[in-house]
Amino acid sequence: MTDKLYLKALRVPTDEDPLRILVSACLLGTLCGYDGSAYGEYPGVLKLLHYPTVKLIKFCPENHSFGTPREMCDIHGGTGFDVLDGKAKVLTESGIDWSEGMIKASEEMLKVAQANDLELAIMMDVSAACGSQVIYDGNRFGAKKAYQIGAGVAAAQLMRAGFKVISQRDYASLEILYLKINSTHQVDTKAKDHHETDWYKEYFKLSLSN
């Protein structure tokens, strides 16, 4: 089931029984980024704080295992699924292997999701932990910065367990979510999800038919 169909099929939440959404903590303003920031503000996610029909559970996998501040890290040799399977590694910019710590962090995030009977996750795209559609292909500070289609380690762990994960850049999906939790919301029909953008299609040489 695609993200949009899944979101349309979600139950209508109430104040007494809010929709349970797990969010990368930085997207809600927690200063848990590698440099001690929250990587800026993300109005599309922060907007959810104003809905009484939503219960937001925040978690930062990298802060859980490595603290803040910390080195930047990326996945080398595959995606988050490959890291979980021992076929790829998470390396810091100085070359330290963080694979084991990242897997432990992903397992803890899964425990949080299961304990809260999660219905959706909204996670920071491109992150080696939380990316859901696009991540870096190797060291982002290397001679040739490159992206790949794929999920980070924590997002992959959730997906493998059957949880639906979208990113803060999936604007069309977020519009569906807004309408689900607020029937008076006026949907922006021009909004696009990350994989529908011109940048994504051009970079990966894809079309929507793919």
C-alpha atoms as a PDB file:
ATOM      1  CA  MET A   1       0.000   0.000   0.000  1.00  0.00           C
ATOM      2  CA  THR A   2       1.408   3.399  -0.946  1.00  0.00           C
ATOM      3  CA  ASP A   3       1.904   6.081   1.693  1.00  0.00           C
ATOM      4  CA  LYS A   4      -1.018   8.119   0.386  1.00  0.00           C
ATOM      5  CA  LEU A   5      -3.430   5.178   0.339  1.00  0.00           C
ATOM      6  CA  TYR A   6      -2.289   4.202   3.822  1.00  0.00           C
ATOM      7  CA  LEU A   7      -2.898   7.714   5.142  1.00  0.00           C
ATOM      8  CA  LYS A   8      -6.319   7.914   3.535  1.00  0.00           C
ATOM      9  CA  ALA A   9      -7.217   4.622   5.215  1.00  0.00           C
ATOM     10  CA  LEU A  10      -6.192   5.778   8.686  1.00  0.00           C
ATOM     11  CA  ARG A  11      -8.953   6.016  11.265  1.00  0.00           C
ATOM     12  CA  VAL A  12     -10.398   9.399  12.161  1.00  0.00           C
ATOM     13  CA  PRO A  13      -8.809  10.267  15.526  1.00  0.00           C
ATOM     14  CA  THR A  14     -10.487  11.976  18.473  1.00  0.00           C
ATOM     15  CA  ASP A  15      -9.298  13.981  21.455  1.00  0.00           C
ATOM     16  CA  GLU A  16      -9.872  10.895  23.589  1.00  0.00           C
ATOM     17  CA  ASP A  17      -8.118   8.552  21.158  1.00  0.00           C
ATOM     18  CA  PRO A  18      -5.515  10.609  19.251  1.00  0.00           C
ATOM     19  CA  LEU A  19      -3.483   9.391  16.301  1.00  0.00           C
ATOM     20  CA  ARG A  20      -0.168   8.034  17.547  1.00  0.00           C
ATOM     21  CA  ILE A  21       2.738   9.409  15.517  1.00  0.00           C
ATOM     22  CA  LEU A  22       6.452   8.856  16.143  1.00  0.00           C
ATOM     23  CA  VAL A  23       8.624  11.783  15.022  1.00  0.00           C
ATOM     24  CA  SER A  24      12.354  12.363  14.689  1.00  0.00           C
ATOM     25  CA  ALA A  25      12.975  14.564  17.715  1.00  0.00           C
ATOM     26  CA  CYS A  26      14.856  17.245  15.760  1.00  0.00           C
ATOM     27  CA  LEU A  27      11.753  17.876  13.630  1.00  0.00           C
ATOM     28  CA  LEU A  28       9.939  18.987  16.785  1.00  0.00           C
ATOM     29  CA  GLY A  29      12.696  21.381  17.782  1.00  0.00           C
ATOM     30  CA  THR A  30      14.741  19.185  20.127  1.00  0.00           C
ATOM     31  CA  LEU A  31      18.399  20.237  19.976  1.00  0.00           C
ATOM     32  CA  CYS A  32      19.691  16.765  19.162  1.00  0.00           C
ATOM     33  CA  GLY A  33      21.349  17.340  15.789  1.00  0.00           C
ATOM     34  CA  TYR A  34      24.969  16.323  15.390  1.00  0.00           C
ATOM     35  CA  ASP A  35      26.006  19.961  15.958  1.00  0.00           C
ATOM     36  CA  GLY A  36      23.629  20.571  18.860  1.00  0.00           C
ATOM     37  CA  SER A  37      20.997  22.260  16.690  1.00  0.00           C
ATOM     38  CA  ALA A  38      17.615  21.068  15.467  1.00  0.00           C
ATOM     39  CA  TYR A  39      18.662  21.518  11.810  1.00  0.00           C
ATOM     40  CA  GLY A  40      16.235  24.444  11.481  1.00  0.00           C
ATOM     41  CA  GLU A  41      12.454  24.585  11.721  1.00  0.00           C
ATOM     42  CA  TYR A  42      10.022  22.327   9.879  1.00  0.00           C
ATOM     43  CA  PRO A  43       6.599  24.045   9.915  1.00  0.00           C
ATOM     44  CA  GLY A  44       4.876  21.097   8.247  1.00  0.00           C
ATOM     45  CA  VAL A  45       5.669  18.888  11.237  1.00  0.00           C
ATOM     46  CA  LEU A  46       5.515  21.541  13.966  1.00  0.00           C
ATOM     47  CA  LYS A  47       1.957  22.220  12.821  1.00  0.00           C
ATOM     48  CA  LEU A  48       0.957  18.844  14.267  1.00  0.00           C
ATOM     49  CA  LEU A  49       1.693  20.137  17.773  1.00  0.00           C
ATOM     50  CA  HIS A  50      -1.490  22.197  17.574  1.00  0.00           C
ATOM     51  CA  TYR A  51      -3.866  19.272  17.015  1.00  0.00           C
ATOM     52  CA  PRO A  52      -5.417  17.695  20.136  1.00  0.00           C
ATOM     53  CA  THR A  53      -6.278  14.655  18.005  1.00  0.00           C
ATOM     54  CA  VAL A  54      -2.571  13.792  17.607  1.00  0.00           C
ATOM     55  CA  LYS A  55      -0.182  12.231  20.108  1.00  0.00           C
ATOM     56  CA  LEU A  56       3.414  12.908  19.076  1.00  0.00           C
ATOM     57  CA  ILE A  57       6.182  10.671  20.419  1.00  0.00           C
ATOM     58  CA  LYS A  58       9.662  12.009  19.713  1.00  0.00           C
ATOM     59  CA  PHE A  59      12.901  10.044  19.564  1.00  0.00           C
ATOM     60  CA  CYS A  60      16.398  10.624  18.181  1.00  0.00           C
ATOM     61  CA  PRO A  61      18.248   7.377  17.422  1.00  0.00           C
ATOM     62  CA  GLU A  62      21.669   8.983  17.024  1.00  0.00           C
ATOM     63  CA  ASN A  63      21.402  10.944  20.268  1.00  0.00           C
ATOM     64  CA  HIS A  64      20.338   7.744  22.022  1.00  0.00           C
ATOM     65  CA  SER A  65      23.529   5.901  21.069  1.00  0.00           C
ATOM     66  CA  PHE A  66      26.094   8.641  20.509  1.00  0.00           C
ATOM     67  CA  GLY A  67      24.937  11.708  22.423  1.00  0.00           C
ATOM     68  CA  THR A  68      24.906  15.345  21.281  1.00  0.00           C
ATOM     69  CA  PRO A  69      26.988  16.908  19.863  1.00  0.00           C
ATOM     70  CA  ARG A  70      28.640  14.122  17.875  1.00  0.00           C
ATOM     71  CA  GLU A  71      30.309  13.406  14.568  1.00  0.00           C
ATOM     72  CA  MET A  72      28.299  13.313  11.374  1.00  0.00           C
ATOM     73  CA  CYS A  73      27.815   9.814   9.998  1.00  0.00           C
ATOM     74  CA  ASP A  74      26.682   8.231   6.738  1.00  0.00           C
ATOM     75  CA  ILE A  75      26.004   4.777   5.342  1.00  0.00           C
ATOM     76  CA  HIS A  76      28.702   3.190   3.196  1.00  0.00           C
ATOM     77  CA  GLY A  77      28.098   0.254   0.870  1.00  0.00           C
ATOM     78  CA  GLY A  78      24.308   0.161   0.850  1.00  0.00           C
ATOM     79  CA  THR A  79      21.214   1.337   2.705  1.00  0.00           C
ATOM     80  CA  GLY A  80      19.851   1.041   6.218  1.00  0.00           C
ATOM     81  CA  PHE A  81      18.424  -2.378   5.383  1.00  0.00           C
ATOM     82  CA  ASP A  82      21.911  -3.510   4.376  1.00  0.00           C
ATOM     83  CA  VAL A  83      23.344  -2.231   7.667  1.00  0.00           C
ATOM     84  CA  LEU A  84      20.745  -4.263   9.563  1.00  0.00           C
ATOM     85  CA  ASP A  85      21.792  -7.313   7.537  1.00  0.00           C
ATOM     86  CA  GLY A  86      25.514  -6.742   8.108  1.00  0.00           C
ATOM     87  CA  LYS A  87      26.152  -5.884   4.449  1.00  0.00           C
ATOM     88  CA  ALA A  88      26.910  -2.159   4.854  1.00  0.00           C
ATOM     89  CA  LYS A  89      28.412   0.097   7.517  1.00  0.00           C
ATOM     90  CA  VAL A  90      27.664   3.377   9.252  1.00  0.00           C
ATOM     91  CA  LEU A  91      30.885   5.398   9.414  1.00  0.00           C
ATOM     92  CA  THR A  92      31.574   8.792  10.944  1.00  0.00           C
ATOM     93  CA  GLU A  93      33.298  11.489   8.941  1.00  0.00           C
ATOM     94  CA  SER A  94      36.584  10.472  10.633  1.00  0.00           C
ATOM     95  CA  GLY A  95      36.046   6.810   9.756  1.00  0.00           C
ATOM     96  CA  ILE A  96      34.808   5.368  13.068  1.00  0.00           C
ATOM     97  CA  ASP A  97      32.436   2.422  12.637  1.00  0.00           C
ATOM     98  CA  TRP A  98      29.116   3.252  14.305  1.00  0.00           C
ATOM     99  CA  SER A  99      27.158   0.370  12.784  1.00  0.00           C
ATOM    100  CA  GLU A 100      26.581  -1.501  16.040  1.00  0.00           C
ATOM    101  CA  GLY A 101      25.487   1.614  17.901  1.00  0.00           C
ATOM    102  CA  MET A 102      23.144   2.625  15.102  1.00  0.00           C
ATOM    103  CA  ILE A 103      21.531  -0.810  15.032  1.00  0.00           C
ATOM    104  CA  LYS A 104      21.027  -0.661  18.814  1.00  0.00           C
ATOM    105  CA  ALA A 105      19.457   2.781  18.418  1.00  0.00           C
ATOM    106  CA  SER A 106      17.125   1.472  15.727  1.00  0.00           C
ATOM    107  CA  GLU A 107      16.092  -1.386  17.998  1.00  0.00           C
ATOM    108  CA  GLU A 108      15.297   1.092  20.772  1.00  0.00           C
ATOM    109  CA  MET A 109      13.228   3.199  18.365  1.00  0.00           C
ATOM    110  CA  LEU A 110      11.322   0.064  17.383  1.00  0.00           C
ATOM    111  CA  LYS A 111      10.620  -0.645  21.060  1.00  0.00           C
ATOM    112  CA  VAL A 112       9.228   2.888  21.442  1.00  0.00           C
ATOM    113  CA  ALA A 113       7.045   2.397  18.369  1.00  0.00           C
ATOM    114  CA  GLN A 114       5.715  -0.920  19.593  1.00  0.00           C
ATOM    115  CA  ALA A 115       5.121   0.326  23.147  1.00  0.00           C
ATOM    116  CA  ASN A 116       3.008   3.189  21.796  1.00  0.00           C
ATOM    117  CA  ASP A 117       1.130   1.078  19.236  1.00  0.00           C
ATOM    118  CA  LEU A 118       2.415   3.431  16.554  1.00  0.00           C
ATOM    119  CA  GLU A 119       0.234   4.353  13.584  1.00  0.00           C
ATOM    120  CA  LEU A 120       2.689   6.481  11.604  1.00  0.00           C
ATOM    121  CA  ALA A 121       6.273   7.746  11.724  1.00  0.00           C
ATOM    122  CA  ILE A 122       7.497  11.069  10.330  1.00  0.00           C
ATOM    123  CA  MET A 123      11.271  11.101  10.118  1.00  0.00           C
ATOM    124  CA  MET A 124      14.131  13.345   8.999  1.00  0.00           C
ATOM    125  CA  ASP A 125      14.951  12.544   5.405  1.00  0.00           C
ATOM    126  CA  VAL A 126      18.544  12.003   4.169  1.00  0.00           C
ATOM    127  CA  SER A 127      19.661  11.052   7.709  1.00  0.00           C
ATOM    128  CA  ALA A 128      21.667   7.831   8.074  1.00  0.00           C
ATOM    129  CA  ALA A 129      19.275   6.936  10.893  1.00  0.00           C
ATOM    130  CA  CYS A 130      15.943   8.437   9.902  1.00  0.00           C
ATOM    131  CA  GLY A 131      15.976   8.894   6.125  1.00  0.00           C
ATOM    132  CA  SER A 132      12.987   7.219   4.514  1.00  0.00           C
ATOM    133  CA  GLN A 133      13.376   7.965   0.794  1.00  0.00           C
ATOM    134  CA  VAL A 134      16.821   9.434   0.185  1.00  0.00           C
ATOM    135  CA  ILE A 135      20.127   9.029   2.021  1.00  0.00           C
ATOM    136  CA  TYR A 136      23.712   9.909   1.216  1.00  0.00           C
ATOM    137  CA  ASP A 137      25.734   7.339  -0.692  1.00  0.00           C
ATOM    138  CA  GLY A 138      28.872   7.267   1.401  1.00  0.00           C
ATOM    139  CA  ASN A 139      30.551  10.248   3.044  1.00  0.00           C
ATOM    140  CA  ARG A 140      28.704  13.484   2.324  1.00  0.00           C
ATOM    141  CA  PHE A 141      31.974  15.343   2.868  1.00  0.00           C
ATOM    142  CA  GLY A 142      33.839  13.266   0.293  1.00  0.00           C
ATOM    143  CA  ALA A 143      35.235  14.466  -3.000  1.00  0.00           C
ATOM    144  CA  LYS A 144      31.922  13.719  -4.729  1.00  0.00           C
ATOM    145  CA  LYS A 145      28.791  14.045  -2.615  1.00  0.00           C
ATOM    146  CA  ALA A 146      26.161  11.613  -3.859  1.00  0.00           C
ATOM    147  CA  TYR A 147      22.661  10.501  -2.906  1.00  0.00           C
ATOM    148  CA  GLN A 148      20.910   7.175  -3.203  1.00  0.00           C
ATOM    149  CA  ILE A 149      17.329   5.972  -2.956  1.00  0.00           C
ATOM    150  CA  GLY A 150      16.930   4.184   0.346  1.00  0.00           C
ATOM    151  CA  ALA A 151      16.206   4.320   4.052  1.00  0.00           C
ATOM    152  CA  GLY A 152      18.369   5.010   7.075  1.00  0.00           C
ATOM    153  CA  VAL A 153      18.934   2.335   9.698  1.00  0.00           C
ATOM    154  CA  ALA A 154      16.174   3.311  12.151  1.00  0.00           C
ATOM    155  CA  ALA A 155      13.644   3.937   9.402  1.00  0.00           C
ATOM    156  CA  ALA A 156      14.497   0.577   7.851  1.00  0.00           C
ATOM    157  CA  GLN A 157      14.001  -1.115  11.223  1.00  0.00           C
ATOM    158  CA  LEU A 158      10.517   0.373  11.518  1.00  0.00           C
ATOM    159  CA  MET A 159       9.619  -0.446   7.921  1.00  0.00           C
ATOM    160  CA  ARG A 160      10.777  -4.032   8.339  1.00  0.00           C
ATOM    161  CA  ALA A 161       8.464  -4.331  11.349  1.00  0.00           C
ATOM    162  CA  GLY A 162       5.528  -3.123   9.262  1.00  0.00           C
ATOM    163  CA  PHE A 163       5.321   0.521  10.332  1.00  0.00           C
ATOM    164  CA  LYS A 164       4.608   3.230   7.756  1.00  0.00           C
ATOM    165  CA  VAL A 165       7.317   5.903   7.549  1.00  0.00           C
ATOM    166  CA  ILE A 166       7.164   9.205   5.667  1.00  0.00           C
ATOM    167  CA  SER A 167       9.541  12.172   5.650  1.00  0.00           C
ATOM    168  CA  GLN A 168       9.103  15.829   6.504  1.00  0.00           C
ATOM    169  CA  ARG A 169       9.440  16.491   2.769  1.00  0.00           C
ATOM    170  CA  ASP A 170       6.421  14.366   1.843  1.00  0.00           C
ATOM    171  CA  TYR A 171       4.176  17.402   1.603  1.00  0.00           C
ATOM    172  CA  ALA A 172       1.331  15.735  -0.297  1.00  0.00           C
ATOM    173  CA  SER A 173       1.149  12.957   2.292  1.00  0.00           C
ATOM    174  CA  LEU A 174       1.188  15.526   5.088  1.00  0.00           C
ATOM    175  CA  GLU A 175      -1.764  17.281   3.448  1.00  0.00           C
ATOM    176  CA  ILE A 176      -3.726  14.022   3.630  1.00  0.00           C
ATOM    177  CA  LEU A 177      -2.740  13.690   7.270  1.00  0.00           C
ATOM    178  CA  TYR A 178      -3.883  17.224   8.080  1.00  0.00           C
ATOM    179  CA  LEU A 179      -7.285  16.501   6.554  1.00  0.00           C
ATOM    180  CA  LYS A 180      -7.566  13.243   8.457  1.00  0.00           C
ATOM    181  CA  ILE A 181      -7.057  15.002  11.784  1.00  0.00           C
ATOM    182  CA  ASN A 182      -8.936  18.200  10.874  1.00  0.00           C
ATOM    183  CA  SER A 183     -11.925  17.875   8.546  1.00  0.00           C
ATOM    184  CA  THR A 184     -11.913  21.631   7.839  1.00  0.00           C
ATOM    185  CA  HIS A 185      -8.372  21.637   6.463  1.00  0.00           C
ATOM    186  CA  GLN A 186      -8.082  23.032   2.946  1.00  0.00           C
ATOM    187  CA  VAL A 187      -5.850  20.630   1.047  1.00  0.00           C
ATOM    188  CA  ASP A 188      -3.043  22.069  -1.072  1.00  0.00           C
ATOM    189  CA  THR A 189      -3.561  20.059  -4.246  1.00  0.00           C
ATOM    190  CA  LYS A 190      -0.218  21.259  -5.646  1.00  0.00           C
ATOM    191  CA  ALA A 191       1.789  19.713  -2.806  1.00  0.00           C
ATOM    192  CA  LYS A 192       4.181  16.910  -3.770  1.00  0.00           C
ATOM    193  CA  ASP A 193       5.931  14.125  -1.920  1.00  0.00           C
ATOM    194  CA  HIS A 194       9.714  14.024  -2.089  1.00  0.00           C
ATOM    195  CA  HIS A 195       9.815  11.338  -4.776  1.00  0.00           C
ATOM    196  CA  GLU A 196       7.461  13.420  -6.953  1.00  0.00           C
ATOM    197  CA  THR A 197       9.674  16.508  -7.076  1.00  0.00           C
ATOM    198  CA  ASP A 198      11.621  17.575 -10.149  1.00  0.00           C
ATOM    199  CA  TRP A 199      14.894  17.304  -8.207  1.00  0.00           C
ATOM    200  CA  TYR A 200      14.244  13.680  -7.256  1.00  0.00           C
ATOM    201  CA  LYS A 201      13.171  12.633 -10.750  1.00  0.00           C
ATOM    202  CA  GLU A 202      16.049  14.424 -12.424  1.00  0.00           C
ATOM    203  CA  TYR A 203      18.726  13.255  -9.975  1.00  0.00           C
ATOM    204  CA  PHE A 204      17.632   9.621 -10.133  1.00  0.00           C
ATOM    205  CA  LYS A 205      16.488   9.883 -13.791  1.00  0.00           C
ATOM    206  CA  LEU A 206      13.020   8.626 -12.899  1.00  0.00           C
ATOM    207  CA  SER A 207       9.495   9.472 -13.905  1.00  0.00           C
ATOM    208  CA  LEU A 208       6.319   9.099 -11.891  1.00  0.00           C
ATOM    209  CA  SER A 209       5.432   6.081 -14.031  1.00  0.00           C
ATOM    210  CA  ASN A 210       8.356   4.262 -12.435  1.00  0.00           C
END
